PDB file of N, CA and C in Angstrom:
ATOM      1  N   UNK A   1      31.475  63.916  62.948  1.00  0.00           N
ATOM      2  CA  UNK A   1      32.188  63.600  61.734  1.00  0.00           C
ATOM      3  C   UNK A   1      31.058  63.512  60.643  1.00  0.00           C
ATOM      4  N   UNK A   2      29.911  63.521  60.974  1.00  0.00           N
ATOM      5  CA  UNK A   2      28.850  63.427  59.875  1.00  0.00           C
ATOM      6  C   UNK A   2      28.357  64.900  59.665  1.00  0.00           C
ATOM      7  N   UNK A   3      28.154  65.533  58.566  1.00  0.00           N
ATOM      8  CA  UNK A   3      28.374  65.029  57.232  1.00  0.00           C
ATOM      9  C   UNK A   3      29.844  64.889  56.916  1.00  0.00           C
ATOM     10  N   UNK A   4      30.184  63.942  56.017  1.00  0.00           N
ATOM     11  CA  UNK A   4      31.603  63.633  55.729  1.00  0.00           C
ATOM     12  C   UNK A   4      32.259  64.826  55.122  1.00  0.00           C
ATOM     13  N   UNK A   5      33.486  64.921  55.280  1.00  0.00           N
ATOM     14  CA  UNK A   5      34.394  66.010  54.853  1.00  0.00           C
ATOM     15  C   UNK A   5      34.510  65.987  53.344  1.00  0.00           C
ATOM     16  N   UNK A   6      35.197  67.064  52.850  1.00  0.00           N
ATOM     17  CA  UNK A   6      35.299  67.214  51.458  1.00  0.00           C
ATOM     18  C   UNK A   6      36.089  66.055  50.866  1.00  0.00           C
ATOM     19  N   UNK A   7      37.177  65.597  51.468  1.00  0.00           N
ATOM     20  CA  UNK A   7      38.008  64.532  50.950  1.00  0.00           C
ATOM     21  C   UNK A   7      37.252  63.286  50.814  1.00  0.00           C
ATOM     22  N   UNK A   8      36.335  63.007  51.789  1.00  0.00           N
ATOM     23  CA  UNK A   8      35.624  61.665  51.780  1.00  0.00           C
ATOM     24  C   UNK A   8      34.634  61.789  50.658  1.00  0.00           C
ATOM     25  N   UNK A   9      33.986  62.875  50.387  1.00  0.00           N
ATOM     26  CA  UNK A   9      33.012  63.140  49.325  1.00  0.00           C
ATOM     27  C   UNK A   9      33.655  62.912  47.977  1.00  0.00           C
ATOM     28  N   UNK A  10      34.823  63.408  47.785  1.00  0.00           N
ATOM     29  CA  UNK A  10      35.654  63.367  46.523  1.00  0.00           C
ATOM     30  C   UNK A  10      35.965  61.840  46.375  1.00  0.00           C
ATOM     31  N   UNK A  11      36.453  61.124  47.236  1.00  0.00           N
ATOM     32  CA  UNK A  11      36.830  59.717  47.347  1.00  0.00           C
ATOM     33  C   UNK A  11      35.659  58.939  47.010  1.00  0.00           C
ATOM     34  N   UNK A  12      34.516  59.074  47.594  1.00  0.00           N
ATOM     35  CA  UNK A  12      33.260  58.366  47.315  1.00  0.00           C
ATOM     36  C   UNK A  12      32.736  58.608  45.841  1.00  0.00           C
ATOM     37  N   UNK A  13      32.815  59.862  45.423  1.00  0.00           N
ATOM     38  CA  UNK A  13      32.463  60.255  44.025  1.00  0.00           C
ATOM     39  C   UNK A  13      33.390  59.581  43.028  1.00  0.00           C
ATOM     40  N   UNK A  14      34.665  59.591  43.276  1.00  0.00           N
ATOM     41  CA  UNK A  14      35.621  58.913  42.281  1.00  0.00           C
ATOM     42  C   UNK A  14      35.388  57.398  42.336  1.00  0.00           C
ATOM     43  N   UNK A  15      35.099  56.773  43.400  1.00  0.00           N
ATOM     44  CA  UNK A  15      34.842  55.358  43.360  1.00  0.00           C
ATOM     45  C   UNK A  15      33.546  55.024  42.631  1.00  0.00           C
ATOM     46  N   UNK A  16      32.438  55.891  42.857  1.00  0.00           N
ATOM     47  CA  UNK A  16      31.205  55.636  42.033  1.00  0.00           C
ATOM     48  C   UNK A  16      31.413  55.829  40.659  1.00  0.00           C
ATOM     49  N   UNK A  17      32.253  56.769  40.153  1.00  0.00           N
ATOM     50  CA  UNK A  17      32.585  57.050  38.793  1.00  0.00           C
ATOM     51  C   UNK A  17      33.281  55.863  38.153  1.00  0.00           C
ATOM     52  N   UNK A  18      34.254  55.228  38.937  1.00  0.00           N
ATOM     53  CA  UNK A  18      35.004  54.031  38.402  1.00  0.00           C
ATOM     54  C   UNK A  18      34.084  52.867  38.281  1.00  0.00           C
ATOM     55  N   UNK A  19      33.173  52.635  39.341  1.00  0.00           N
ATOM     56  CA  UNK A  19      32.238  51.621  39.156  1.00  0.00           C
ATOM     57  C   UNK A  19      31.303  51.729  38.038  1.00  0.00           C
ATOM     58  N   UNK A  20      30.782  52.951  37.776  1.00  0.00           N
ATOM     59  CA  UNK A  20      29.823  53.209  36.658  1.00  0.00           C
ATOM     60  C   UNK A  20      30.629  53.028  35.248  1.00  0.00           C
ATOM     61  N   UNK A  21      31.842  53.419  35.168  1.00  0.00           N
ATOM     62  CA  UNK A  21      32.689  53.143  34.118  1.00  0.00           C
ATOM     63  C   UNK A  21      32.823  51.735  33.721  1.00  0.00           C
ATOM     64  N   UNK A  22      33.108  50.923  34.782  1.00  0.00           N
ATOM     65  CA  UNK A  22      33.179  49.463  34.547  1.00  0.00           C
ATOM     66  C   UNK A  22      31.940  48.796  34.121  1.00  0.00           C
ATOM     67  N   UNK A  23      30.847  49.267  34.716  1.00  0.00           N
ATOM     68  CA  UNK A  23      29.572  48.654  34.360  1.00  0.00           C
ATOM     69  C   UNK A  23      29.211  48.989  32.939  1.00  0.00           C
ATOM     70  N   UNK A  24      29.620  50.138  32.390  1.00  0.00           N
ATOM     71  CA  UNK A  24      29.318  50.551  31.034  1.00  0.00           C
ATOM     72  C   UNK A  24      30.111  49.908  29.996  1.00  0.00           C
ATOM     73  N   UNK A  25      31.520  49.818  30.383  1.00  0.00           N
ATOM     74  CA  UNK A  25      32.481  49.317  29.392  1.00  0.00           C
ATOM     75  C   UNK A  25      32.623  47.787  29.363  1.00  0.00           C
ATOM     76  N   UNK A  26      32.358  47.116  30.402  1.00  0.00           N
ATOM     77  CA  UNK A  26      32.506  45.582  30.441  1.00  0.00           C
ATOM     78  C   UNK A  26      31.689  44.895  29.337  1.00  0.00           C
ATOM     79  N   UNK A  27      30.403  45.216  29.135  1.00  0.00           N
ATOM     80  CA  UNK A  27      29.656  44.416  28.088  1.00  0.00           C
ATOM     81  C   UNK A  27      30.273  44.586  26.662  1.00  0.00           C
ATOM     82  N   UNK A  28      30.742  45.854  26.437  1.00  0.00           N
ATOM     83  CA  UNK A  28      31.311  46.048  25.182  1.00  0.00           C
ATOM     84  C   UNK A  28      32.700  45.384  24.962  1.00  0.00           C
ATOM     85  N   UNK A  29      33.517  45.293  26.031  1.00  0.00           N
ATOM     86  CA  UNK A  29      34.714  44.664  25.911  1.00  0.00           C
ATOM     87  C   UNK A  29      34.548  43.121  25.793  1.00  0.00           C
ATOM     88  N   UNK A  30      33.571  42.431  26.335  1.00  0.00           N
ATOM     89  CA  UNK A  30      33.323  41.132  26.225  1.00  0.00           C
ATOM     90  C   UNK A  30      32.735  40.660  24.884  1.00  0.00           C
ATOM     91  N   UNK A  31      32.069  41.633  24.226  1.00  0.00           N
ATOM     92  CA  UNK A  31      31.522  41.423  22.846  1.00  0.00           C
ATOM     93  C   UNK A  31      32.607  41.518  21.768  1.00  0.00           C
ATOM     94  N   UNK A  32      33.777  41.997  22.117  1.00  0.00           N
ATOM     95  CA  UNK A  32      34.730  42.181  21.048  1.00  0.00           C
ATOM     96  C   UNK A  32      35.031  43.633  20.700  1.00  0.00           C
ATOM     97  N   UNK A  33      34.496  44.567  21.488  1.00  0.00           N
ATOM     98  CA  UNK A  33      34.790  45.994  21.239  1.00  0.00           C
ATOM     99  C   UNK A  33      33.767  46.548  20.251  1.00  0.00           C
ATOM    100  N   UNK A  34      33.609  47.894  20.459  1.00  0.00           N
ATOM    101  CA  UNK A  34      32.727  48.639  19.629  1.00  0.00           C
ATOM    102  C   UNK A  34      33.184  48.777  18.242  1.00  0.00           C
ATOM    103  N   UNK A  35      34.499  48.748  17.967  1.00  0.00           N
ATOM    104  CA  UNK A  35      35.087  49.128  16.743  1.00  0.00           C
ATOM    105  C   UNK A  35      35.497  47.797  16.024  1.00  0.00           C
ATOM    106  N   UNK A  36      35.205  46.609  16.623  1.00  0.00           N
ATOM    107  CA  UNK A  36      35.694  45.422  15.882  1.00  0.00           C
ATOM    108  C   UNK A  36      34.741  45.193  14.747  1.00  0.00           C
ATOM    109  N   UNK A  37      35.265  44.561  13.677  1.00  0.00           N
ATOM    110  CA  UNK A  37      34.528  44.238  12.531  1.00  0.00           C
ATOM    111  C   UNK A  37      33.651  43.029  12.831  1.00  0.00           C
ATOM    112  N   UNK A  38      32.560  42.950  12.235  1.00  0.00           N
ATOM    113  CA  UNK A  38      31.597  41.904  12.420  1.00  0.00           C
ATOM    114  C   UNK A  38      31.448  41.040  11.196  1.00  0.00           C
ATOM    115  N   UNK A  39      31.513  39.721  11.333  1.00  0.00           N
ATOM    116  CA  UNK A  39      31.535  38.872  10.102  1.00  0.00           C
ATOM    117  C   UNK A  39      30.111  38.431   9.718  1.00  0.00           C
ATOM    118  N   UNK A  40      29.355  39.229   9.089  1.00  0.00           N
ATOM    119  CA  UNK A  40      28.065  38.681   8.566  1.00  0.00           C
ATOM    120  C   UNK A  40      28.223  37.796   7.367  1.00  0.00           C
ATOM    121  N   UNK A  41      27.526  36.741   7.367  1.00  0.00           N
ATOM    122  CA  UNK A  41      27.599  35.775   6.253  1.00  0.00           C
ATOM    123  C   UNK A  41      26.139  35.530   5.646  1.00  0.00           C
ATOM    124  N   UNK A  42      26.149  35.068   4.412  1.00  0.00           N
ATOM    125  CA  UNK A  42      24.956  34.728   3.755  1.00  0.00           C
ATOM    126  C   UNK A  42      25.107  33.425   3.127  1.00  0.00           C
ATOM    127  N   UNK A  43      24.153  32.545   3.302  1.00  0.00           N
ATOM    128  CA  UNK A  43      24.017  31.131   2.758  1.00  0.00           C
ATOM    129  C   UNK A  43      23.068  31.280   1.662  1.00  0.00           C
ATOM    130  N   UNK A  44      23.556  30.961   0.486  1.00  0.00           N
ATOM    131  CA  UNK A  44      22.585  31.097  -0.714  1.00  0.00           C
ATOM    132  C   UNK A  44      23.054  30.119  -1.812  1.00  0.00           C
ATOM    133  N   UNK A  45      22.146  29.256  -2.214  1.00  0.00           N
ATOM    134  CA  UNK A  45      22.452  28.315  -3.327  1.00  0.00           C
ATOM    135  C   UNK A  45      23.640  27.477  -2.975  1.00  0.00           C
ATOM    136  N   UNK A  46      23.727  26.991  -1.747  1.00  0.00           N
ATOM    137  CA  UNK A  46      24.824  26.170  -1.262  1.00  0.00           C
ATOM    138  C   UNK A  46      26.240  26.767  -1.137  1.00  0.00           C
ATOM    139  N   UNK A  47      26.274  28.090  -1.305  1.00  0.00           N
ATOM    140  CA  UNK A  47      27.584  28.859  -1.219  1.00  0.00           C
ATOM    141  C   UNK A  47      27.423  29.781   0.052  1.00  0.00           C
ATOM    142  N   UNK A  48      28.617  30.038   0.510  1.00  0.00           N
ATOM    143  CA  UNK A  48      28.698  30.903   1.719  1.00  0.00           C
ATOM    144  C   UNK A  48      29.332  32.214   1.217  1.00  0.00           C
ATOM    145  N   UNK A  49      28.706  33.387   1.412  1.00  0.00           N
ATOM    146  CA  UNK A  49      29.083  34.632   0.983  1.00  0.00           C
ATOM    147  C   UNK A  49      29.429  35.557   2.213  1.00  0.00           C
ATOM    148  N   UNK A  50      30.490  36.338   2.136  1.00  0.00           N
ATOM    149  CA  UNK A  50      30.754  37.171   3.176  1.00  0.00           C
ATOM    150  C   UNK A  50      30.477  38.645   2.961  1.00  0.00           C
ATOM    151  N   UNK A  51      30.047  39.419   3.901  1.00  0.00           N
ATOM    152  CA  UNK A  51      29.619  40.822   3.733  1.00  0.00           C
ATOM    153  C   UNK A  51      30.940  41.667   3.548  1.00  0.00           C
ATOM    154  N   UNK A  52      30.825  42.554   2.498  1.00  0.00           N
ATOM    155  CA  UNK A  52      31.943  43.347   2.281  1.00  0.00           C
ATOM    156  C   UNK A  52      31.339  44.820   1.910  1.00  0.00           C
ATOM    157  N   UNK A  53      32.070  45.862   2.275  1.00  0.00           N
ATOM    158  CA  UNK A  53      31.659  47.129   1.970  1.00  0.00           C
ATOM    159  C   UNK A  53      31.790  47.492   0.522  1.00  0.00           C
ATOM    160  N   UNK A  54      30.784  48.288   0.105  1.00  0.00           N
ATOM    161  CA  UNK A  54      30.873  48.623  -1.373  1.00  0.00           C
ATOM    162  C   UNK A  54      31.782  49.825  -1.426  1.00  0.00           C
ATOM    163  N   UNK A  55      32.251  50.435  -0.260  1.00  0.00           N
ATOM    164  CA  UNK A  55      33.214  51.542  -0.261  1.00  0.00           C
ATOM    165  C   UNK A  55      32.703  52.803  -0.879  1.00  0.00           C
ATOM    166  N   UNK A  56      31.403  53.087  -0.799  1.00  0.00           N
ATOM    167  CA  UNK A  56      30.922  54.322  -1.454  1.00  0.00           C
ATOM    168  C   UNK A  56      30.689  54.234  -2.973  1.00  0.00           C
ATOM    169  N   UNK A  57      31.117  53.127  -3.625  1.00  0.00           N
ATOM    170  CA  UNK A  57      30.896  52.939  -4.933  1.00  0.00           C
ATOM    171  C   UNK A  57      29.417  52.656  -5.265  1.00  0.00           C
ATOM    172  N   UNK A  58      28.865  53.302  -6.322  1.00  0.00           N
ATOM    173  CA  UNK A  58      27.577  53.022  -6.739  1.00  0.00           C
ATOM    174  C   UNK A  58      27.384  51.579  -7.222  1.00  0.00           C
ATOM    175  N   UNK A  59      26.566  50.834  -6.630  1.00  0.00           N
ATOM    176  CA  UNK A  59      26.422  49.472  -7.049  1.00  0.00           C
ATOM    177  C   UNK A  59      24.901  49.283  -7.588  1.00  0.00           C
ATOM    178  N   UNK A  60      24.788  48.836  -8.744  1.00  0.00           N
ATOM    179  CA  UNK A  60      23.422  48.695  -9.417  1.00  0.00           C
ATOM    180  C   UNK A  60      22.830  47.250  -9.062  1.00  0.00           C
ATOM    181  N   UNK A  61      21.936  47.157  -8.296  1.00  0.00           N
ATOM    182  CA  UNK A  61      21.256  45.959  -8.119  1.00  0.00           C
ATOM    183  C   UNK A  61      20.385  45.606  -9.298  1.00  0.00           C
ATOM    184  N   UNK A  62      20.395  44.180  -9.705  1.00  0.00           N
ATOM    185  CA  UNK A  62      19.506  43.902 -10.813  1.00  0.00           C
ATOM    186  C   UNK A  62      18.354  43.036 -10.428  1.00  0.00           C
ATOM    187  N   UNK A  63      18.196  41.897 -10.927  1.00  0.00           N
ATOM    188  CA  UNK A  63      16.957  41.151 -10.708  1.00  0.00           C
ATOM    189  C   UNK A  63      17.117  40.248  -9.422  1.00  0.00           C
ATOM    190  N   UNK A  64      15.870  39.912  -8.975  1.00  0.00           N
ATOM    191  CA  UNK A  64      15.828  39.108  -7.691  1.00  0.00           C
ATOM    192  C   UNK A  64      16.169  37.708  -8.174  1.00  0.00           C
ATOM    193  N   UNK A  65      17.038  37.079  -7.482  1.00  0.00           N
ATOM    194  CA  UNK A  65      17.657  35.728  -7.767  1.00  0.00           C
ATOM    195  C   UNK A  65      17.226  34.625  -6.908  1.00  0.00           C
ATOM    196  N   UNK A  66      16.678  34.957  -5.702  1.00  0.00           N
ATOM    197  CA  UNK A  66      16.313  33.939  -4.710  1.00  0.00           C
ATOM    198  C   UNK A  66      16.246  34.375  -3.384  1.00  0.00           C
ATOM    199  N   UNK A  67      16.231  33.407  -2.480  1.00  0.00           N
ATOM    200  CA  UNK A  67      16.280  33.667  -0.996  1.00  0.00           C
ATOM    201  C   UNK A  67      17.371  32.921  -0.356  1.00  0.00           C
ATOM    202  N   UNK A  68      17.922  33.635   0.597  1.00  0.00           N
ATOM    203  CA  UNK A  68      19.032  33.057   1.409  1.00  0.00           C
ATOM    204  C   UNK A  68      18.813  33.235   2.906  1.00  0.00           C
ATOM    205  N   UNK A  69      19.849  32.926   3.703  1.00  0.00           N
ATOM    206  CA  UNK A  69      19.897  33.090   5.049  1.00  0.00           C
ATOM    207  C   UNK A  69      21.068  33.898   5.490  1.00  0.00           C
ATOM    208  N   UNK A  70      20.869  35.065   6.183  1.00  0.00           N
ATOM    209  CA  UNK A  70      21.918  35.854   6.642  1.00  0.00           C
ATOM    210  C   UNK A  70      22.047  35.721   8.157  1.00  0.00           C
ATOM    211  N   UNK A  71      23.352  35.740   8.613  1.00  0.00           N
ATOM    212  CA  UNK A  71      23.571  35.429  10.050  1.00  0.00           C
ATOM    213  C   UNK A  71      24.872  36.124  10.433  1.00  0.00           C
ATOM    214  N   UNK A  72      25.066  36.213  11.728  1.00  0.00           N
ATOM    215  CA  UNK A  72      26.281  36.798  12.275  1.00  0.00           C
ATOM    216  C   UNK A  72      26.027  38.049  13.176  1.00  0.00           C
ATOM    217  N   UNK A  73      27.089  38.590  13.678  1.00  0.00           N
ATOM    218  CA  UNK A  73      27.122  39.848  14.420  1.00  0.00           C
ATOM    219  C   UNK A  73      26.034  39.796  15.608  1.00  0.00           C
ATOM    220  N   UNK A  74      25.875  38.567  16.160  1.00  0.00           N
ATOM    221  CA  UNK A  74      24.888  38.461  17.251  1.00  0.00           C
ATOM    222  C   UNK A  74      23.448  38.448  16.920  1.00  0.00           C
ATOM    223  N   UNK A  75      23.065  38.589  15.668  1.00  0.00           N
ATOM    224  CA  UNK A  75      21.722  38.488  15.262  1.00  0.00           C
ATOM    225  C   UNK A  75      21.349  37.084  14.946  1.00  0.00           C
ATOM    226  N   UNK A  76      19.994  36.874  15.187  1.00  0.00           N
ATOM    227  CA  UNK A  76      19.530  35.525  14.751  1.00  0.00           C
ATOM    228  C   UNK A  76      19.548  35.420  13.317  1.00  0.00           C
ATOM    229  N   UNK A  77      19.687  34.188  12.787  1.00  0.00           N
ATOM    230  CA  UNK A  77      19.675  34.014  11.299  1.00  0.00           C
ATOM    231  C   UNK A  77      18.246  34.394  10.832  1.00  0.00           C
ATOM    232  N   UNK A  78      18.292  35.062   9.672  1.00  0.00           N
ATOM    233  CA  UNK A  78      17.091  35.600   9.005  1.00  0.00           C
ATOM    234  C   UNK A  78      17.042  35.276   7.552  1.00  0.00           C
ATOM    235  N   UNK A  79      15.890  34.925   6.988  1.00  0.00           N
ATOM    236  CA  UNK A  79      15.659  34.678   5.634  1.00  0.00           C
ATOM    237  C   UNK A  79      15.513  36.055   4.941  1.00  0.00           C
ATOM    238  N   UNK A  80      16.429  36.156   3.789  1.00  0.00           N
ATOM    239  CA  UNK A  80      16.287  37.469   3.097  1.00  0.00           C
ATOM    240  C   UNK A  80      16.192  37.266   1.611  1.00  0.00           C
ATOM    241  N   UNK A  81      15.630  38.277   0.888  1.00  0.00           N
ATOM    242  CA  UNK A  81      15.618  38.236  -0.542  1.00  0.00           C
ATOM    243  C   UNK A  81      17.004  38.611  -1.030  1.00  0.00           C
ATOM    244  N   UNK A  82      17.373  37.968  -2.183  1.00  0.00           N
ATOM    245  CA  UNK A  82      18.711  38.302  -2.739  1.00  0.00           C
ATOM    246  C   UNK A  82      18.525  38.805  -4.175  1.00  0.00           C
ATOM    247  N   UNK A  83      19.335  39.753  -4.395  1.00  0.00           N
ATOM    248  CA  UNK A  83      19.331  40.313  -5.870  1.00  0.00           C
ATOM    249  C   UNK A  83      20.753  40.234  -6.537  1.00  0.00           C
ATOM    250  N   UNK A  84      20.718  40.109  -7.764  1.00  0.00           N
ATOM    251  CA  UNK A  84      22.013  40.034  -8.470  1.00  0.00           C
ATOM    252  C   UNK A  84      22.598  41.501  -8.559  1.00  0.00           C
ATOM    253  N   UNK A  85      23.838  41.566  -8.918  1.00  0.00           N
ATOM    254  CA  UNK A  85      24.567  42.877  -9.092  1.00  0.00           C
ATOM    255  C   UNK A  85      24.799  42.995 -10.623  1.00  0.00           C
ATOM    256  N   UNK A  86      24.560  44.072 -11.204  1.00  0.00           N
ATOM    257  CA  UNK A  86      24.673  44.343 -12.693  1.00  0.00           C
ATOM    258  C   UNK A  86      26.224  44.093 -13.062  1.00  0.00           C
ATOM    259  N   UNK A  87      26.347  43.164 -13.990  1.00  0.00           N
ATOM    260  CA  UNK A  87      27.675  42.826 -14.502  1.00  0.00           C
ATOM    261  C   UNK A  87      28.437  41.785 -13.739  1.00  0.00           C
ATOM    262  N   UNK A  88      27.838  41.287 -12.561  1.00  0.00           N
ATOM    263  CA  UNK A  88      28.567  40.319 -11.824  1.00  0.00           C
ATOM    264  C   UNK A  88      27.680  39.009 -11.709  1.00  0.00           C
ATOM    265  N   UNK A  89      28.252  37.931 -11.908  1.00  0.00           N
ATOM    266  CA  UNK A  89      27.648  36.666 -11.808  1.00  0.00           C
ATOM    267  C   UNK A  89      27.196  36.408 -10.372  1.00  0.00           C
ATOM    268  N   UNK A  90      25.980  35.925 -10.117  1.00  0.00           N
ATOM    269  CA  UNK A  90      25.575  35.681  -8.807  1.00  0.00           C
ATOM    270  C   UNK A  90      26.411  34.659  -8.006  1.00  0.00           C
ATOM    271  N   UNK A  91      27.104  33.791  -8.756  1.00  0.00           N
ATOM    272  CA  UNK A  91      28.095  32.814  -8.130  1.00  0.00           C
ATOM    273  C   UNK A  91      29.266  33.468  -7.517  1.00  0.00           C
ATOM    274  N   UNK A  92      29.551  34.860  -7.913  1.00  0.00           N
ATOM    275  CA  UNK A  92      30.625  35.612  -7.469  1.00  0.00           C
ATOM    276  C   UNK A  92      30.212  36.499  -6.344  1.00  0.00           C
ATOM    277  N   UNK A  93      29.088  37.296  -6.511  1.00  0.00           N
ATOM    278  CA  UNK A  93      28.541  38.177  -5.475  1.00  0.00           C
ATOM    279  C   UNK A  93      27.181  38.442  -5.631  1.00  0.00           C
ATOM    280  N   UNK A  94      26.461  38.769  -4.644  1.00  0.00           N
ATOM    281  CA  UNK A  94      25.033  39.143  -4.604  1.00  0.00           C
ATOM    282  C   UNK A  94      24.856  40.321  -3.611  1.00  0.00           C
ATOM    283  N   UNK A  95      23.656  40.869  -3.684  1.00  0.00           N
ATOM    284  CA  UNK A  95      23.332  41.968  -2.692  1.00  0.00           C
ATOM    285  C   UNK A  95      21.976  41.751  -2.109  1.00  0.00           C
ATOM    286  N   UNK A  96      21.760  42.474  -1.027  1.00  0.00           N
ATOM    287  CA  UNK A  96      20.400  42.486  -0.399  1.00  0.00           C
ATOM    288  C   UNK A  96      19.742  43.841  -0.645  1.00  0.00           C
ATOM    289  N   UNK A  97      18.428  43.895  -0.940  1.00  0.00           N
ATOM    290  CA  UNK A  97      17.860  45.119  -1.284  1.00  0.00           C
ATOM    291  C   UNK A  97      17.837  46.153  -0.124  1.00  0.00           C
ATOM    292  N   UNK A  98      17.885  45.571   1.153  1.00  0.00           N
ATOM    293  CA  UNK A  98      17.886  46.365   2.311  1.00  0.00           C
ATOM    294  C   UNK A  98      19.240  46.891   2.668  1.00  0.00           C
ATOM    295  N   UNK A  99      20.321  46.457   2.037  1.00  0.00           N
ATOM    296  CA  UNK A  99      21.613  46.873   2.494  1.00  0.00           C
ATOM    297  C   UNK A  99      22.433  47.402   1.165  1.00  0.00           C
ATOM    298  N   UNK A 100      22.174  48.618   0.897  1.00  0.00           N
ATOM    299  CA  UNK A 100      22.601  49.167  -0.393  1.00  0.00           C
ATOM    300  C   UNK A 100      24.120  49.401  -0.390  1.00  0.00           C
ATOM    301  N   UNK A 101      24.872  49.568   0.798  1.00  0.00           N
ATOM    302  CA  UNK A 101      26.202  49.795   0.797  1.00  0.00           C
ATOM    303  C   UNK A 101      27.061  48.526   1.048  1.00  0.00           C
ATOM    304  N   UNK A 102      26.491  47.232   0.952  1.00  0.00           N
ATOM    305  CA  UNK A 102      27.080  46.062   1.298  1.00  0.00           C
ATOM    306  C   UNK A 102      26.897  45.079   0.150  1.00  0.00           C
ATOM    307  N   UNK A 103      28.020  44.349  -0.161  1.00  0.00           N
ATOM    308  CA  UNK A 103      28.049  43.334  -1.130  1.00  0.00           C
ATOM    309  C   UNK A 103      28.342  42.079  -0.431  1.00  0.00           C
ATOM    310  N   UNK A 104      27.706  40.962  -0.869  1.00  0.00           N
ATOM    311  CA  UNK A 104      28.005  39.693  -0.232  1.00  0.00           C
ATOM    312  C   UNK A 104      28.874  38.895  -1.300  1.00  0.00           C
ATOM    313  N   UNK A 105      30.136  38.710  -0.956  1.00  0.00           N
ATOM    314  CA  UNK A 105      31.057  38.052  -1.945  1.00  0.00           C
ATOM    315  C   UNK A 105      31.333  36.649  -1.612  1.00  0.00           C
ATOM    316  N   UNK A 106      31.343  35.796  -2.603  1.00  0.00           N
ATOM    317  CA  UNK A 106      31.459  34.289  -2.270  1.00  0.00           C
ATOM    318  C   UNK A 106      32.919  34.089  -1.864  1.00  0.00           C
ATOM    319  N   UNK A 107      33.020  33.218  -0.917  1.00  0.00           N
ATOM    320  CA  UNK A 107      34.253  32.947  -0.267  1.00  0.00           C
ATOM    321  C   UNK A 107      35.228  32.407  -1.283  1.00  0.00           C
ATOM    322  N   UNK A 108      36.463  33.025  -1.162  1.00  0.00           N
ATOM    323  CA  UNK A 108      37.588  32.634  -1.994  1.00  0.00           C
ATOM    324  C   UNK A 108      37.614  33.584  -3.295  1.00  0.00           C
ATOM    325  N   UNK A 109      36.755  34.470  -3.412  1.00  0.00           N
ATOM    326  CA  UNK A 109      36.670  35.380  -4.519  1.00  0.00           C
ATOM    327  C   UNK A 109      37.311  36.729  -4.102  1.00  0.00           C
ATOM    328  N   UNK A 110      38.029  37.353  -4.898  1.00  0.00           N
ATOM    329  CA  UNK A 110      38.492  38.765  -4.792  1.00  0.00           C
ATOM    330  C   UNK A 110      38.981  39.233  -3.415  1.00  0.00           C
ATOM    331  N   UNK A 111      40.235  39.399  -3.260  1.00  0.00           N
ATOM    332  CA  UNK A 111      40.776  39.792  -2.024  1.00  0.00           C
ATOM    333  C   UNK A 111      40.843  41.337  -1.832  1.00  0.00           C
ATOM    334  N   UNK A 112      40.452  42.088  -2.865  1.00  0.00           N
ATOM    335  CA  UNK A 112      40.386  43.535  -2.796  1.00  0.00           C
ATOM    336  C   UNK A 112      39.420  43.999  -1.643  1.00  0.00           C
ATOM    337  N   UNK A 113      39.883  45.006  -0.942  1.00  0.00           N
ATOM    338  CA  UNK A 113      39.093  45.350   0.259  1.00  0.00           C
ATOM    339  C   UNK A 113      37.758  45.870  -0.011  1.00  0.00           C
ATOM    340  N   UNK A 114      37.491  46.754  -0.886  1.00  0.00           N
ATOM    341  CA  UNK A 114      36.202  47.316  -1.063  1.00  0.00           C
ATOM    342  C   UNK A 114      36.197  48.296  -2.303  1.00  0.00           C
ATOM    343  N   UNK A 115      35.063  48.744  -2.588  1.00  0.00           N
ATOM    344  CA  UNK A 115      34.932  49.852  -3.604  1.00  0.00           C
ATOM    345  C   UNK A 115      35.097  49.375  -5.100  1.00  0.00           C
ATOM    346  N   UNK A 116      35.691  50.308  -5.876  1.00  0.00           N
ATOM    347  CA  UNK A 116      35.632  50.061  -7.315  1.00  0.00           C
ATOM    348  C   UNK A 116      36.694  48.869  -7.688  1.00  0.00           C
ATOM    349  N   UNK A 117      37.745  48.786  -6.884  1.00  0.00           N
ATOM    350  CA  UNK A 117      38.714  47.683  -7.079  1.00  0.00           C
ATOM    351  C   UNK A 117      37.913  46.337  -6.953  1.00  0.00           C
ATOM    352  N   UNK A 118      37.169  46.262  -5.901  1.00  0.00           N
ATOM    353  CA  UNK A 118      36.326  45.056  -5.635  1.00  0.00           C
ATOM    354  C   UNK A 118      35.453  44.745  -6.848  1.00  0.00           C
ATOM    355  N   UNK A 119      34.690  45.687  -7.116  1.00  0.00           N
ATOM    356  CA  UNK A 119      33.762  45.541  -8.367  1.00  0.00           C
ATOM    357  C   UNK A 119      34.403  45.154  -9.624  1.00  0.00           C
ATOM    358  N   UNK A 120      35.703  45.743  -9.860  1.00  0.00           N
ATOM    359  CA  UNK A 120      36.398  45.344 -11.075  1.00  0.00           C
ATOM    360  C   UNK A 120      36.846  43.880 -10.969  1.00  0.00           C
ATOM    361  N   UNK A 121      37.274  43.417  -9.883  1.00  0.00           N
ATOM    362  CA  UNK A 121      37.686  42.078  -9.637  1.00  0.00           C
ATOM    363  C   UNK A 121      36.420  41.143  -9.847  1.00  0.00           C
ATOM    364  N   UNK A 122      35.288  41.484  -9.384  1.00  0.00           N
ATOM    365  CA  UNK A 122      34.134  40.572  -9.417  1.00  0.00           C
ATOM    366  C   UNK A 122      33.643  40.443 -10.940  1.00  0.00           C
ATOM    367  N   UNK A 123      33.864  41.506 -11.702  1.00  0.00           N
ATOM    368  CA  UNK A 123      33.364  41.547 -13.074  1.00  0.00           C
ATOM    369  C   UNK A 123      34.231  40.907 -13.878  1.00  0.00           C
ATOM    370  N   UNK A 124      35.400  40.393 -13.616  1.00  0.00           N
ATOM    371  CA  UNK A 124      36.316  39.625 -14.487  1.00  0.00           C
ATOM    372  C   UNK A 124      35.830  38.311 -14.780  1.00  0.00           C
TER     373      UNK A 124
END
């Protein structure tokens, strides 16, 4: 009976493929999925800001306004430099020089999802 027949080899190969698939997929499933959004937050000047996409809109960062702490998405909290956004009060939104496609919007400000509509709301 040894070496095993074709059916046994196919069965063993299929079982190995299923085990490999489970090993690779389980960590992603327990973390909330590869496509789930991640809630990065920034603490600056006693306010909490939430990361929002600039949506491809060109955002002009202005002057450095201070230092804050960014956290979330499984990363350890980190101290970061913060810049203002041209035409937007820092109390409403700020940006990080290292994240050109992300705005950090103060909680409770502007429910628009992203892009030009979000910037218009922030500039009011």
